[in-house]
Protein backbone atom coordinates (compact mmCIF):
# COMPACT_ATOMS: atom_id res chain seq x y z
CA MET A 1 161.11 52.44 -137.75
CA ARG A 2 158.76 49.86 -136.26
CA TYR A 3 156.58 50.65 -133.26
CA LYS A 4 154.90 48.56 -130.60
CA THR A 5 151.69 49.36 -128.74
CA VAL A 6 151.92 49.47 -124.95
CA ASN A 7 148.72 49.51 -122.92
CA LEU A 8 148.79 51.87 -119.96
CA GLN A 9 146.21 52.78 -117.40
CA PRO A 10 145.07 56.38 -117.89
CA ALA A 11 146.67 57.54 -114.63
CA THR A 12 149.99 55.97 -115.63
CA TYR A 13 149.84 57.63 -119.04
CA GLU A 14 149.20 61.02 -117.43
CA ARG A 15 152.13 60.53 -115.03
CA LEU A 16 154.38 59.55 -117.93
CA LYS A 17 153.40 62.64 -119.92
CA ARG A 18 154.61 64.86 -117.06
CA TYR A 19 158.15 63.67 -117.85
CA GLN A 20 157.77 64.66 -121.48
CA PHE A 21 159.21 68.08 -122.40
CA ALA A 22 161.26 69.85 -125.04
CA GLY A 23 159.90 67.74 -127.89
CA ARG A 24 160.90 64.44 -126.31
CA SER A 25 158.86 61.43 -127.34
CA LEU A 26 157.37 59.08 -124.78
CA SER A 27 159.85 56.50 -126.04
CA ASP A 28 162.69 58.89 -125.11
CA VAL A 29 161.18 59.38 -121.66
CA ILE A 30 160.86 55.65 -121.03
CA ASP A 31 164.41 55.02 -122.24
CA GLN A 32 165.77 57.64 -119.85
CA LEU A 33 163.76 56.26 -116.92
CA MET A 34 165.00 52.74 -117.64
CA ASP A 35 168.59 54.00 -117.74
CA VAL A 36 168.15 55.29 -114.19
CA ALA A 37 166.65 52.08 -112.76
CA GLU A 38 168.58 48.93 -113.59
CA PRO A 39 166.43 45.78 -113.91
CA GLU A 40 168.55 43.97 -111.32
CA GLU A 41 167.68 46.62 -108.71
CA LEU A 42 163.97 46.14 -109.38
CA TYR A 43 164.33 42.35 -109.15
CA LEU A 44 166.21 42.61 -105.86
CA GLU A 45 163.53 44.87 -104.42
CA ALA A 46 160.79 42.44 -105.47
CA LEU A 47 162.79 39.59 -103.95
CA LYS A 48 163.11 41.47 -100.63
CA VAL A 49 159.35 41.97 -100.51
CA HIS A 50 158.75 38.30 -101.31
CA ARG A 51 161.22 37.12 -98.65
CA GLY A 52 159.58 39.39 -96.08
CA ARG A 53 156.18 37.91 -96.88
CA MET A 54 157.57 34.39 -96.61
CA LYS A 55 159.12 35.14 -93.19
CA GLU A 56 155.82 36.54 -91.99
CA LEU A 57 154.01 33.46 -93.25
CA LYS A 58 156.41 31.18 -91.38
CA ARG A 59 156.09 33.22 -88.17
CA SER A 60 152.31 33.13 -88.32
CA GLY A 61 152.14 29.39 -88.93
CA GLY A 62 151.14 29.59 -92.57
CA LEU A 63 147.82 30.06 -94.31
CA SER A 64 144.74 27.91 -94.29
CA ILE A 65 142.99 26.96 -97.51
CA SER A 66 140.20 29.44 -96.73
CA ASP A 67 142.82 32.20 -96.21
CA THR A 68 144.28 31.55 -99.64
CA GLN A 69 140.83 31.45 -101.22
CA ARG A 70 139.95 34.82 -99.68
CA ALA A 71 143.25 36.34 -100.81
CA ARG A 72 142.71 35.03 -104.32
CA ALA A 73 139.15 36.38 -104.41
CA LYS A 74 140.42 39.85 -103.41
CA ARG A 75 143.04 39.74 -106.17
CA ASP A 76 140.59 38.68 -108.90
């Protein structure tokens, strides 16, 4: 069987390990979690958040160049 390496933040790894019991591998845990949450549901939720942000942007009159630069600096 071939394996892939997945990089996780330490806190995420510790959370994931809490789902591991009765000899289950982390791969088993991830498979079960993905079976519960369909990708389409996650995409729709992300789309709702994006649409909400766009509505807020339109209501507020948009962003200035300096606003976008500050937001980008916070993100980086």
